[in-house]
């Protein structure tokens, strides 16, 4: 049993699909069954959406570009989420970047890449810019729910990495809440979804540069009463390819890894999917991100390359009070970002994301 915001909760943690999964519930009497439910949800989405599994539905769709491919309805759901992300962001979160990611060297599972340090450069090398620049308009993707088919333009490959993990967190969280009726938090690699009643003072969440960091890493402690919290980062998931340092946030306008104005962007929204859409778009938008996030009314925290923190909307300020001692801290799920912890977290209220202007 773990203590979170003064209430007894139960927590499980495990590793799967190249990331860390954390499940927190306010009633742990059926924890084993709830963990099994989360694992089934994640496995189903991996079989549908993985770019690296030989047997995935997405691999078949990418291999069959140019013709209609029959798929499971779950993949149609996932692609609809990705197309909504493109619409909401004016195409800055684009699912048709599979070829650009492959050209950047992200052509295999993350654990097999030649990974490099966390310090971001201003931009990856532009030597392969011309090769990566050709891409399709995401509006050209054809979905038929009646026939359960997807048709991609010839030469196009989908990558659902910008939305599928956060969507999986939302789905798994809702499934556990519907089965158990209690308060639930699911964190997938630091992307956080909640459902049901939260603890009295909300879910405490440690925001750090890397969700794998320990509790003493620089960061900020906040709480959310409901909704989702997500972070996109150019500082952690980095690798070397053809002599250049790459990261996985591709700017659709160039086909290159986005220029590193922000090392991390953390956003709270009505659910984890919307939070992740906004956080990813913020990294692509660069200097235009604060105004955009402010107009949407989404509480956000941007960390610049040199570590300066910019708070937007109702994101709480960093506390000048004494940080809590390690022995006083609850066991917290973690997302990405930076700086000093709060002595007590401030609750965030998050509205839904709206369509981009």
Protein backbone atom coordinates (compact mmCIF):
# COMPACT_ATOMS: atom_id res chain seq x y z
CA UNK A 1 0.00 0.00 0.00
CA UNK A 2 1.21 3.52 -0.81
CA UNK A 3 0.14 6.88 0.54
CA UNK A 4 -0.93 9.53 -1.98
CA UNK A 5 -2.21 12.92 -0.75
CA UNK A 6 -3.10 11.46 2.63
CA UNK A 7 -5.31 8.65 1.33
CA UNK A 8 -4.53 4.98 1.01
CA UNK A 9 -4.05 3.92 -2.60
CA UNK A 10 -2.62 0.83 -4.20
CA UNK A 11 0.05 1.03 -6.88
CA UNK A 12 1.46 -1.42 -9.40
CA UNK A 13 4.35 -0.80 -11.76
CA UNK A 14 5.82 -2.86 -14.59
CA UNK A 15 7.65 -2.51 -17.90
CA UNK A 16 6.18 -3.37 -21.28
CA UNK A 17 6.32 -2.23 -24.91
CA UNK A 18 9.53 -0.31 -24.23
CA UNK A 19 8.08 1.89 -21.50
CA UNK A 20 7.03 1.98 -17.84
CA UNK A 21 3.41 1.39 -16.85
CA UNK A 22 2.05 2.61 -13.50
CA UNK A 23 -1.43 1.91 -12.18
CA UNK A 24 -2.75 3.68 -9.07
CA UNK A 25 -6.22 2.93 -7.69
CA UNK A 26 -8.15 4.15 -4.67
CA UNK A 27 -9.50 0.65 -4.06
CA UNK A 28 -6.96 -2.11 -4.54
CA UNK A 29 -9.02 -5.15 -3.61
CA UNK A 30 -8.88 -6.47 -7.18
CA UNK A 31 -5.49 -5.08 -8.18
CA UNK A 32 -4.34 -8.23 -10.00
CA UNK A 33 -7.46 -8.23 -12.17
CA UNK A 34 -7.07 -4.51 -12.87
CA UNK A 35 -3.43 -4.99 -13.91
CA UNK A 36 -4.51 -7.79 -16.24
CA UNK A 37 -7.14 -5.51 -17.78
CA UNK A 38 -4.54 -2.79 -18.46
CA UNK A 39 -2.19 -5.36 -20.00
CA UNK A 40 -4.93 -6.63 -22.34
CA UNK A 41 -5.71 -3.09 -23.48
CA UNK A 42 -2.06 -2.31 -24.16
CA UNK A 43 -1.49 -5.57 -26.01
CA UNK A 44 -4.52 -4.98 -28.24
CA UNK A 45 -3.34 -1.48 -29.15
CA UNK A 46 0.22 -2.69 -29.76
CA UNK A 47 -1.05 -5.40 -32.13
CA UNK A 48 -3.07 -2.77 -33.97
CA UNK A 49 -0.75 0.24 -33.97
CA UNK A 50 2.89 -0.86 -33.73
CA UNK A 51 5.18 0.28 -36.53
CA UNK A 52 7.71 -2.42 -35.57
CA UNK A 53 5.70 -5.62 -35.01
CA UNK A 54 5.74 -7.83 -38.10
CA UNK A 55 2.17 -8.96 -37.35
CA UNK A 56 0.61 -5.56 -36.58
CA UNK A 57 -2.36 -4.14 -38.43
CA UNK A 58 -0.43 -0.93 -39.09
CA UNK A 59 2.40 -2.81 -40.79
CA UNK A 60 -0.13 -4.35 -43.19
CA UNK A 61 -1.66 -0.96 -43.94
CA UNK A 62 1.74 0.62 -44.60
CA UNK A 63 2.78 -2.29 -46.81
CA UNK A 64 -0.48 -1.98 -48.76
CA UNK A 65 -0.30 1.77 -49.40
CA UNK A 66 -2.16 2.62 -52.59
CA UNK A 67 -5.01 0.18 -52.01
CA UNK A 68 -7.74 -0.36 -49.42
CA UNK A 69 -6.62 -2.74 -46.69
CA UNK A 70 -9.11 -4.54 -44.42
CA UNK A 71 -8.29 -3.93 -40.75
CA UNK A 72 -9.64 -4.43 -37.26
CA UNK A 73 -11.96 -1.57 -36.16
CA UNK A 74 -9.49 -0.77 -33.35
CA UNK A 75 -6.96 0.52 -35.88
CA UNK A 76 -9.63 2.64 -37.55
CA UNK A 77 -10.33 4.16 -34.12
CA UNK A 78 -6.61 4.83 -33.64
CA UNK A 79 -6.20 6.45 -37.05
CA UNK A 80 -9.26 8.61 -36.44
CA UNK A 81 -7.59 9.87 -33.25
CA UNK A 82 -4.42 10.66 -35.22
CA UNK A 83 -6.37 12.49 -37.95
CA UNK A 84 -8.19 14.51 -35.30
CA UNK A 85 -4.78 15.50 -33.90
CA UNK A 86 -3.74 16.72 -37.35
CA UNK A 87 -6.95 18.72 -37.69
CA UNK A 88 -6.67 20.28 -34.22
CA UNK A 89 -3.08 21.39 -34.83
CA UNK A 90 -3.31 22.49 -38.44
CA UNK A 91 -1.23 19.49 -39.51
CA UNK A 92 1.62 20.05 -37.03
CA UNK A 93 0.92 16.66 -35.44
CA UNK A 94 0.85 14.55 -38.59
CA UNK A 95 0.47 10.75 -38.75
CA UNK A 96 1.93 10.50 -42.28
CA UNK A 97 5.54 10.94 -41.11
CA UNK A 98 6.51 7.26 -41.06
CA UNK A 99 8.94 7.66 -43.97
CA UNK A 100 10.54 10.76 -42.41
CA UNK A 101 11.09 8.85 -39.15
CA UNK A 102 12.66 5.96 -41.04
CA UNK A 103 14.97 8.35 -42.87
CA UNK A 104 15.94 9.80 -39.49
CA UNK A 105 16.97 6.30 -38.44
CA UNK A 106 13.91 5.48 -36.32
CA UNK A 107 13.26 2.30 -38.30
CA UNK A 108 13.32 -0.21 -35.45
CA UNK A 109 12.22 -0.52 -31.85
CA UNK A 110 13.56 2.26 -29.62
CA UNK A 111 15.68 -0.11 -27.54
CA UNK A 112 17.66 -1.13 -30.65
CA UNK A 113 18.72 2.38 -31.67
CA UNK A 114 22.15 3.91 -30.99
CA UNK A 115 20.94 6.14 -28.18
CA UNK A 116 22.73 9.30 -27.13
CA UNK A 117 22.70 11.80 -24.27
CA UNK A 118 19.84 13.98 -23.09
CA UNK A 119 21.29 17.39 -23.99
CA UNK A 120 19.38 18.77 -26.99
CA UNK A 121 21.04 20.47 -29.91
CA UNK A 122 19.34 23.35 -31.69
CA UNK A 123 18.51 21.11 -34.67
CA UNK A 124 19.61 17.80 -36.06
CA UNK A 125 21.86 17.82 -39.11
CA UNK A 126 20.12 18.96 -42.29
CA UNK A 127 22.21 16.71 -44.57
CA UNK A 128 19.24 14.44 -45.30
CA UNK A 129 16.64 17.21 -45.54
CA UNK A 130 15.91 16.76 -49.26
CA UNK A 131 15.32 13.02 -48.87
CA UNK A 132 12.79 13.49 -46.06
CA UNK A 133 10.82 16.37 -47.46
CA UNK A 134 8.34 14.50 -49.68
CA UNK A 135 5.19 13.54 -47.76
CA UNK A 136 1.46 13.16 -48.31
CA UNK A 137 -1.36 15.35 -47.10
CA UNK A 138 -2.96 13.61 -44.12
CA UNK A 139 -6.36 14.54 -45.58
CA UNK A 140 -5.73 12.03 -48.39
CA UNK A 141 -6.09 9.06 -46.00
CA UNK A 142 -9.33 7.20 -46.70
CA UNK A 143 -11.16 5.43 -43.87
CA UNK A 144 -14.25 3.28 -44.33
CA UNK A 145 -15.85 2.15 -41.13
CA UNK A 146 -18.60 0.38 -43.08
CA UNK A 147 -16.05 -1.79 -44.93
CA UNK A 148 -13.48 -1.63 -42.12
CA UNK A 149 -10.71 -0.54 -44.49
CA UNK A 150 -7.93 2.04 -44.63
CA UNK A 151 -6.35 3.31 -47.83
CA UNK A 152 -3.11 5.29 -47.78
CA UNK A 153 -1.71 7.17 -50.78
CA UNK A 154 1.06 5.21 -52.51
CA UNK A 155 4.43 5.68 -50.84
CA UNK A 156 2.98 6.90 -47.53
CA UNK A 157 3.61 5.22 -44.17
CA UNK A 158 1.69 6.00 -41.01
CA UNK A 159 3.29 6.46 -37.62
CA UNK A 160 0.87 6.75 -34.69
CA UNK A 161 3.52 7.45 -32.05
CA UNK A 162 2.26 11.00 -31.45
CA UNK A 163 -1.16 9.81 -30.26
CA UNK A 164 -1.37 6.05 -29.68
CA UNK A 165 0.41 5.88 -26.29
CA UNK A 166 -1.69 8.64 -24.73
CA UNK A 167 -4.85 7.17 -26.25
CA UNK A 168 -3.90 3.78 -24.82
CA UNK A 169 -3.54 5.36 -21.36
CA UNK A 170 -7.02 6.87 -21.64
CA UNK A 171 -8.56 3.60 -22.83
CA UNK A 172 -6.89 1.51 -20.14
CA UNK A 173 -7.84 4.00 -17.44
CA UNK A 174 -11.49 4.07 -18.48
CA UNK A 175 -11.61 0.26 -18.69
CA UNK A 176 -10.32 -0.11 -15.12
CA UNK A 177 -12.71 2.52 -13.80
CA UNK A 178 -15.70 0.91 -15.53
CA UNK A 179 -14.75 -2.49 -14.11
CA UNK A 180 -13.87 -1.42 -10.55
CA UNK A 181 -15.76 1.85 -10.04
CA UNK A 182 -12.93 3.44 -8.06
CA UNK A 183 -10.52 6.27 -8.77
CA UNK A 184 -7.84 5.27 -11.28
CA UNK A 185 -4.60 6.74 -12.61
CA UNK A 186 -2.68 5.12 -15.47
CA UNK A 187 0.74 6.37 -16.52
CA UNK A 188 2.40 5.13 -19.71
CA UNK A 189 5.93 6.42 -19.88
CA UNK A 190 4.84 9.48 -17.92
CA UNK A 191 1.74 10.25 -20.00
CA UNK A 192 -1.04 10.23 -17.42
CA UNK A 193 -4.77 9.51 -17.61
CA UNK A 194 -7.25 9.58 -14.72
CA UNK A 195 -10.83 8.43 -14.24
CA UNK A 196 -13.27 8.33 -11.36
CA UNK A 197 -12.94 10.08 -8.00
CA UNK A 198 -9.45 11.30 -7.16
CA UNK A 199 -7.91 11.35 -3.68
CA UNK A 200 -9.03 14.34 -1.58
CA UNK A 201 -6.12 16.54 -2.68
CA UNK A 202 -5.88 15.16 -6.18
CA UNK A 203 -3.34 12.88 -7.80
CA UNK A 204 0.16 14.08 -6.95
CA UNK A 205 2.42 13.97 -9.98
CA UNK A 206 6.15 14.58 -10.15
CA UNK A 207 7.10 16.47 -13.32
CA UNK A 208 10.74 15.84 -14.30
CA UNK A 209 12.91 15.85 -17.41
CA UNK A 210 12.68 12.07 -17.72
CA UNK A 211 9.88 9.89 -16.33
CA UNK A 212 12.51 7.28 -15.43
CA UNK A 213 14.23 9.65 -12.99
CA UNK A 214 14.20 9.00 -9.26
CA UNK A 215 12.14 11.03 -6.76
CA UNK A 216 15.06 13.34 -5.97
CA UNK A 217 15.57 14.48 -9.57
CA UNK A 218 14.98 18.19 -10.25
CA UNK A 219 11.36 18.83 -11.04
CA UNK A 220 8.01 20.12 -9.84
CA UNK A 221 5.24 18.40 -7.90
CA UNK A 222 1.68 19.23 -8.90
CA UNK A 223 -1.69 17.59 -8.58
CA UNK A 224 -4.62 17.05 -10.91
CA UNK A 225 -8.13 16.26 -9.77
CA UNK A 226 -9.23 14.90 -13.15
CA UNK A 227 -8.29 14.75 -16.80
CA UNK A 228 -4.88 14.03 -18.26
CA UNK A 229 -1.31 15.27 -18.22
CA UNK A 230 1.29 14.65 -20.89
CA UNK A 231 4.78 15.76 -21.82
CA UNK A 232 6.58 15.70 -25.13
CA UNK A 233 10.35 16.03 -25.05
CA UNK A 234 13.25 16.50 -27.42
CA UNK A 235 15.75 15.87 -24.62
CA UNK A 236 15.29 12.20 -23.79
CA UNK A 237 14.42 10.04 -26.80
CA UNK A 238 17.50 10.79 -28.92
CA UNK A 239 19.75 8.64 -31.09
CA UNK A 240 22.61 8.89 -33.58
CA UNK A 241 22.07 8.30 -37.28
CA UNK A 242 24.60 8.83 -40.06
CA UNK A 243 26.73 10.99 -37.77
CA UNK A 244 23.89 13.24 -36.59
CA UNK A 245 21.87 13.38 -33.36
CA UNK A 246 18.15 12.86 -34.01
CA UNK A 247 14.96 13.02 -31.98
CA UNK A 248 11.46 11.74 -32.68
CA UNK A 249 9.50 15.01 -32.92
CA UNK A 250 9.36 15.64 -36.67
CA UNK A 251 8.41 19.04 -38.09
CA UNK A 252 6.03 18.20 -40.97
CA UNK A 253 6.99 21.37 -42.84
CA UNK A 254 10.59 20.15 -43.29
CA UNK A 255 10.55 16.39 -42.61
CA UNK A 256 13.36 17.04 -40.09
CA UNK A 257 13.45 16.71 -36.31
CA UNK A 258 11.92 19.94 -35.00
CA UNK A 259 14.22 22.77 -33.97
CA UNK A 260 14.81 22.56 -30.21
CA UNK A 261 13.26 25.73 -28.80
CA UNK A 262 11.75 23.73 -25.92
CA UNK A 263 13.36 20.68 -24.39
CA UNK A 264 10.04 19.65 -22.84
CA UNK A 265 6.41 20.73 -23.01
CA UNK A 266 3.97 19.57 -20.31
CA UNK A 267 0.24 20.15 -20.81
CA UNK A 268 -2.90 19.33 -18.81
CA UNK A 269 -6.16 18.77 -20.67
CA UNK A 270 -9.49 16.99 -20.48
CA UNK A 271 -7.77 13.66 -21.16
CA UNK A 272 -4.29 12.33 -21.85
CA UNK A 273 -4.84 12.23 -25.61
CA UNK A 274 -5.64 15.93 -25.87
CA UNK A 275 -2.80 16.80 -23.50
CA UNK A 276 -0.33 14.86 -25.65
CA UNK A 277 -1.59 16.40 -28.88
CA UNK A 278 -1.04 19.87 -27.47
CA UNK A 279 2.37 19.05 -25.97
CA UNK A 280 3.67 17.55 -29.21
CA UNK A 281 2.38 20.48 -31.25
CA UNK A 282 4.05 22.90 -28.84
CA UNK A 283 7.46 21.42 -29.62
CA UNK A 284 6.83 21.73 -33.36
CA UNK A 285 5.49 25.28 -33.04
CA UNK A 286 8.53 26.45 -31.08
CA UNK A 287 8.39 30.16 -30.29
CA UNK A 288 4.72 30.28 -31.35
CA UNK A 289 3.71 27.69 -28.73
CA UNK A 290 3.06 29.94 -25.68
CA UNK A 291 0.53 32.13 -27.46
CA UNK A 292 -1.22 29.09 -28.96
CA UNK A 293 -1.45 27.20 -25.67
CA UNK A 294 -2.62 30.35 -23.89
CA UNK A 295 -5.38 30.88 -26.47
CA UNK A 296 -6.54 27.29 -25.93
CA UNK A 297 -6.66 27.83 -22.17
CA UNK A 298 -4.54 24.73 -21.49
CA UNK A 299 -2.38 24.83 -18.33
CA UNK A 300 1.14 24.28 -19.66
CA UNK A 301 4.79 24.28 -18.64
CA UNK A 302 7.48 24.82 -21.26
CA UNK A 303 11.16 24.31 -20.48
CA UNK A 304 13.64 25.99 -22.81
CA UNK A 305 16.93 24.49 -23.98
CA UNK A 306 18.79 26.32 -21.20
CA UNK A 307 16.35 25.15 -18.50
CA UNK A 308 14.20 28.25 -18.06
CA UNK A 309 10.59 27.41 -17.17
CA UNK A 310 7.63 29.21 -18.76
CA UNK A 311 4.22 28.67 -17.15
CA UNK A 312 1.05 29.21 -19.18
CA UNK A 313 -2.53 29.59 -17.98
CA UNK A 314 -3.29 28.11 -14.57
CA UNK A 315 -0.14 26.00 -14.34
CA UNK A 316 1.01 26.56 -10.74
CA UNK A 317 4.17 28.51 -9.91
CA UNK A 318 7.22 26.84 -8.46
CA UNK A 319 7.24 27.01 -4.66
CA UNK A 320 9.93 28.95 -2.83
CA UNK A 321 9.25 26.83 0.24
CA UNK A 322 11.45 24.00 1.55
CA UNK A 323 11.17 20.96 -0.73
CA UNK A 324 9.60 17.98 1.04
CA UNK A 325 12.06 15.49 2.49
CA UNK A 326 12.28 12.17 0.65
CA UNK A 327 10.67 10.42 3.62
CA UNK A 328 7.66 12.79 3.41
CA UNK A 329 6.98 12.33 -0.29
CA UNK A 330 4.30 9.98 -1.57
CA UNK A 331 5.22 7.54 -4.31
CA UNK A 332 4.46 9.53 -7.43
CA UNK A 333 3.94 8.69 -11.07
CA UNK A 334 6.30 10.81 -13.14
CA UNK A 335 6.18 12.73 -16.38
CA UNK A 336 8.89 14.90 -18.00
CA UNK A 337 10.16 18.52 -17.36
CA UNK A 338 12.40 20.42 -14.86
CA UNK A 339 13.26 22.47 -11.67
CA UNK A 340 12.52 22.56 -7.92
CA UNK A 341 9.62 20.67 -6.24
CA UNK A 342 6.62 22.25 -4.56
CA UNK A 343 6.16 21.70 -0.85
CA UNK A 344 2.50 20.99 -1.55
CA UNK A 345 1.04 20.57 -5.03
CA UNK A 346 -1.45 22.98 -6.55
CA UNK A 347 -4.42 21.48 -8.35
CA UNK A 348 -4.78 22.02 -12.07
CA UNK A 349 -8.16 22.34 -13.71
CA UNK A 350 -7.97 21.47 -17.40
CA UNK A 351 -10.50 22.34 -20.12
CA UNK A 352 -10.73 20.41 -23.39
CA UNK A 353 -8.48 21.28 -26.28
CA UNK A 354 -10.17 23.18 -29.10
CA UNK A 355 -9.60 23.30 -32.83
CA UNK A 356 -6.56 25.32 -33.83
CA UNK A 357 -7.12 28.60 -35.59
